[in-house]
N, C-alpha and C. Protein backbone atom coordinates (compact mmCIF):
# COMPACT_ATOMS: atom_id res chain seq x y z
N MET A 1 136.48 -28.11 -103.36
CA MET A 1 137.31 -27.53 -104.39
C MET A 1 136.69 -26.20 -104.82
N LYS A 2 137.53 -25.20 -105.02
CA LYS A 2 137.07 -23.88 -105.47
C LYS A 2 137.72 -23.57 -106.80
N LYS A 3 136.93 -22.96 -107.70
CA LYS A 3 137.46 -22.53 -108.99
C LYS A 3 136.86 -21.18 -109.35
N SER A 4 137.59 -20.45 -110.18
CA SER A 4 137.14 -19.16 -110.66
C SER A 4 136.96 -19.22 -112.17
N TYR A 5 135.87 -18.63 -112.66
CA TYR A 5 135.55 -18.67 -114.09
C TYR A 5 135.27 -17.26 -114.60
N LYS A 6 135.68 -17.00 -115.82
CA LYS A 6 135.36 -15.73 -116.49
C LYS A 6 133.94 -15.85 -117.02
N ILE A 7 133.14 -14.79 -116.77
CA ILE A 7 131.76 -14.79 -117.26
C ILE A 7 131.54 -13.58 -118.14
N ASP A 8 130.50 -13.67 -118.95
CA ASP A 8 130.07 -12.54 -119.76
C ASP A 8 128.60 -12.30 -119.42
N VAL A 9 128.35 -11.18 -118.75
CA VAL A 9 126.99 -10.84 -118.33
C VAL A 9 126.82 -9.33 -118.53
N ASP A 10 125.60 -8.92 -118.88
CA ASP A 10 125.36 -7.54 -119.30
C ASP A 10 125.09 -6.54 -118.18
N CYS A 11 124.49 -6.99 -117.07
CA CYS A 11 124.14 -6.02 -116.03
C CYS A 11 124.27 -6.64 -114.65
N ALA A 12 124.37 -5.78 -113.64
CA ALA A 12 124.55 -6.24 -112.27
C ALA A 12 123.34 -7.02 -111.78
N ASN A 13 122.14 -6.62 -112.18
CA ASN A 13 120.94 -7.34 -111.77
C ASN A 13 120.95 -8.77 -112.32
N CYS A 14 121.33 -8.92 -113.57
CA CYS A 14 121.42 -10.26 -114.17
C CYS A 14 122.51 -11.08 -113.48
N ALA A 15 123.60 -10.44 -113.11
CA ALA A 15 124.67 -11.14 -112.40
C ALA A 15 124.16 -11.69 -111.07
N ASN A 16 123.34 -10.91 -110.36
CA ASN A 16 122.76 -11.39 -109.10
C ASN A 16 121.85 -12.58 -109.34
N LYS A 17 121.05 -12.52 -110.40
CA LYS A 17 120.16 -13.64 -110.73
C LYS A 17 120.96 -14.87 -111.13
N MET A 18 122.07 -14.67 -111.83
CA MET A 18 122.94 -15.79 -112.21
C MET A 18 123.54 -16.43 -110.96
N GLU A 19 123.89 -15.62 -109.99
CA GLU A 19 124.44 -16.15 -108.74
C GLU A 19 123.42 -17.06 -108.06
N VAL A 20 122.17 -16.63 -108.00
CA VAL A 20 121.11 -17.45 -107.40
C VAL A 20 120.95 -18.75 -108.18
N ALA A 21 120.92 -18.65 -109.52
CA ALA A 21 120.77 -19.84 -110.36
C ALA A 21 121.92 -20.81 -110.16
N ALA A 22 123.14 -20.29 -110.07
CA ALA A 22 124.31 -21.15 -109.87
C ALA A 22 124.24 -21.84 -108.51
N ASN A 23 123.82 -21.11 -107.49
CA ASN A 23 123.72 -21.69 -106.15
C ASN A 23 122.64 -22.76 -106.05
N ASN A 24 121.68 -22.74 -106.96
CA ASN A 24 120.61 -23.74 -106.98
C ASN A 24 120.94 -24.94 -107.86
N THR A 25 122.17 -25.03 -108.31
CA THR A 25 122.61 -26.14 -109.16
C THR A 25 123.19 -27.25 -108.30
N PRO A 26 122.72 -28.50 -108.51
CA PRO A 26 123.31 -29.62 -107.75
C PRO A 26 124.81 -29.71 -107.98
N GLY A 27 125.55 -29.92 -106.90
CA GLY A 27 127.00 -30.01 -106.98
C GLY A 27 127.71 -28.73 -106.60
N VAL A 28 126.95 -27.62 -106.52
CA VAL A 28 127.53 -26.33 -106.15
C VAL A 28 127.27 -26.09 -104.66
N LYS A 29 128.33 -25.91 -103.91
CA LYS A 29 128.20 -25.59 -102.48
C LYS A 29 127.92 -24.10 -102.32
N LYS A 30 128.71 -23.27 -103.05
CA LYS A 30 128.53 -21.81 -102.99
C LYS A 30 129.08 -21.18 -104.25
N ALA A 31 128.31 -20.28 -104.83
CA ALA A 31 128.77 -19.53 -106.00
C ALA A 31 128.62 -18.03 -105.72
N VAL A 32 129.62 -17.27 -106.14
CA VAL A 32 129.60 -15.81 -105.97
C VAL A 32 129.96 -15.20 -107.31
N VAL A 33 129.10 -14.29 -107.80
CA VAL A 33 129.36 -13.61 -109.07
C VAL A 33 129.79 -12.18 -108.76
N ASN A 34 130.92 -11.77 -109.34
CA ASN A 34 131.40 -10.41 -109.22
C ASN A 34 131.22 -9.74 -110.58
N PHE A 35 130.20 -8.88 -110.67
CA PHE A 35 129.89 -8.22 -111.95
C PHE A 35 131.02 -7.31 -112.41
N MET A 36 131.63 -6.59 -111.48
CA MET A 36 132.68 -5.65 -111.85
C MET A 36 133.90 -6.35 -112.45
N LEU A 37 134.24 -7.52 -111.93
CA LEU A 37 135.39 -8.27 -112.43
C LEU A 37 135.01 -9.29 -113.50
N LEU A 38 133.69 -9.47 -113.72
CA LEU A 38 133.18 -10.48 -114.65
C LEU A 38 133.74 -11.85 -114.33
N LYS A 39 133.61 -12.22 -113.04
CA LYS A 39 134.10 -13.52 -112.57
C LYS A 39 133.04 -14.20 -111.73
N MET A 40 133.05 -15.52 -111.81
CA MET A 40 132.21 -16.34 -110.95
C MET A 40 133.13 -17.28 -110.18
N ASN A 41 133.07 -17.20 -108.85
CA ASN A 41 133.83 -18.11 -108.00
C ASN A 41 132.88 -19.19 -107.53
N VAL A 42 133.26 -20.43 -107.75
CA VAL A 42 132.39 -21.56 -107.41
C VAL A 42 133.13 -22.50 -106.46
N GLU A 43 132.46 -22.82 -105.36
CA GLU A 43 132.95 -23.86 -104.45
C GLU A 43 132.04 -25.07 -104.67
N PHE A 44 132.65 -26.19 -105.00
CA PHE A 44 131.90 -27.40 -105.33
C PHE A 44 131.70 -28.26 -104.09
N GLU A 45 130.59 -29.01 -104.09
CA GLU A 45 130.34 -29.95 -103.01
C GLU A 45 131.37 -31.08 -103.06
N GLU A 46 131.59 -31.70 -101.94
CA GLU A 46 132.54 -32.81 -101.83
C GLU A 46 132.21 -33.90 -102.86
N GLY A 47 133.19 -34.28 -103.65
CA GLY A 47 133.02 -35.34 -104.64
C GLY A 47 132.42 -34.89 -105.96
N ALA A 48 132.01 -33.63 -106.07
CA ALA A 48 131.42 -33.14 -107.32
C ALA A 48 132.52 -32.88 -108.35
N ASP A 49 132.25 -33.22 -109.60
CA ASP A 49 133.20 -33.02 -110.69
C ASP A 49 132.87 -31.71 -111.41
N PRO A 50 133.75 -30.71 -111.34
CA PRO A 50 133.47 -29.43 -112.00
C PRO A 50 133.14 -29.58 -113.49
N LYS A 51 133.72 -30.56 -114.15
CA LYS A 51 133.47 -30.74 -115.59
C LYS A 51 132.04 -31.17 -115.89
N THR A 52 131.37 -31.78 -114.93
CA THR A 52 129.97 -32.16 -115.14
C THR A 52 129.02 -31.14 -114.51
N VAL A 53 129.46 -30.45 -113.47
CA VAL A 53 128.60 -29.47 -112.79
C VAL A 53 128.49 -28.17 -113.59
N MET A 54 129.59 -27.71 -114.17
CA MET A 54 129.59 -26.40 -114.83
C MET A 54 128.65 -26.31 -116.04
N PRO A 55 128.49 -27.35 -116.86
CA PRO A 55 127.48 -27.24 -117.92
C PRO A 55 126.07 -27.04 -117.36
N ALA A 56 125.77 -27.65 -116.21
CA ALA A 56 124.47 -27.45 -115.58
C ALA A 56 124.34 -26.02 -115.04
N VAL A 57 125.44 -25.50 -114.49
CA VAL A 57 125.44 -24.11 -114.02
C VAL A 57 125.16 -23.18 -115.19
N LEU A 58 125.83 -23.41 -116.32
CA LEU A 58 125.63 -22.56 -117.50
C LEU A 58 124.17 -22.61 -117.97
N ARG A 59 123.58 -23.81 -118.01
CA ARG A 59 122.18 -23.93 -118.43
C ARG A 59 121.26 -23.14 -117.50
N ASN A 60 121.49 -23.27 -116.20
CA ASN A 60 120.67 -22.53 -115.23
C ASN A 60 120.84 -21.02 -115.39
N CYS A 61 122.07 -20.59 -115.62
CA CYS A 61 122.32 -19.16 -115.80
C CYS A 61 121.71 -18.65 -117.10
N GLN A 62 121.72 -19.47 -118.14
CA GLN A 62 121.13 -19.04 -119.40
C GLN A 62 119.61 -18.97 -119.32
N ASN A 63 119.01 -19.62 -118.34
CA ASN A 63 117.57 -19.45 -118.10
C ASN A 63 117.29 -18.05 -117.59
N VAL A 64 118.27 -17.43 -116.94
CA VAL A 64 118.15 -16.07 -116.41
C VAL A 64 118.48 -15.06 -117.50
N GLU A 65 119.60 -15.28 -118.18
CA GLU A 65 120.04 -14.38 -119.25
C GLU A 65 120.56 -15.26 -120.39
N SER A 66 119.78 -15.36 -121.43
CA SER A 66 120.04 -16.33 -122.51
C SER A 66 121.39 -16.13 -123.20
N ASP A 67 121.92 -14.91 -123.22
CA ASP A 67 123.18 -14.70 -123.93
C ASP A 67 124.40 -14.66 -123.02
N CYS A 68 124.26 -15.06 -121.76
CA CYS A 68 125.42 -15.09 -120.87
C CYS A 68 126.33 -16.24 -121.27
N SER A 69 127.58 -16.14 -120.86
CA SER A 69 128.52 -17.23 -121.12
C SER A 69 129.47 -17.36 -119.93
N ILE A 70 129.95 -18.59 -119.75
CA ILE A 70 130.92 -18.89 -118.69
C ILE A 70 132.05 -19.67 -119.36
N ASP A 71 133.27 -19.19 -119.22
CA ASP A 71 134.43 -19.89 -119.80
C ASP A 71 134.91 -20.96 -118.82
N PHE A 72 134.69 -22.21 -119.19
CA PHE A 72 135.16 -23.32 -118.35
C PHE A 72 135.78 -24.40 -119.20
């Protein structure tokens, strides 16, 4: 399953770090952050529930940039 989320991130470097953090989250098959569009596209692993995975993605991303947000 693939979903797109609106993100709030301050710089392109932080967006790249958020992408790495999201990809290191269990349940995420592939995440791509587009800084220019302020979007994160996430492909979830088979059987993963986006409603439980996305809070973990947000926590991992906030370790990179504490004031980032993801609308899910």
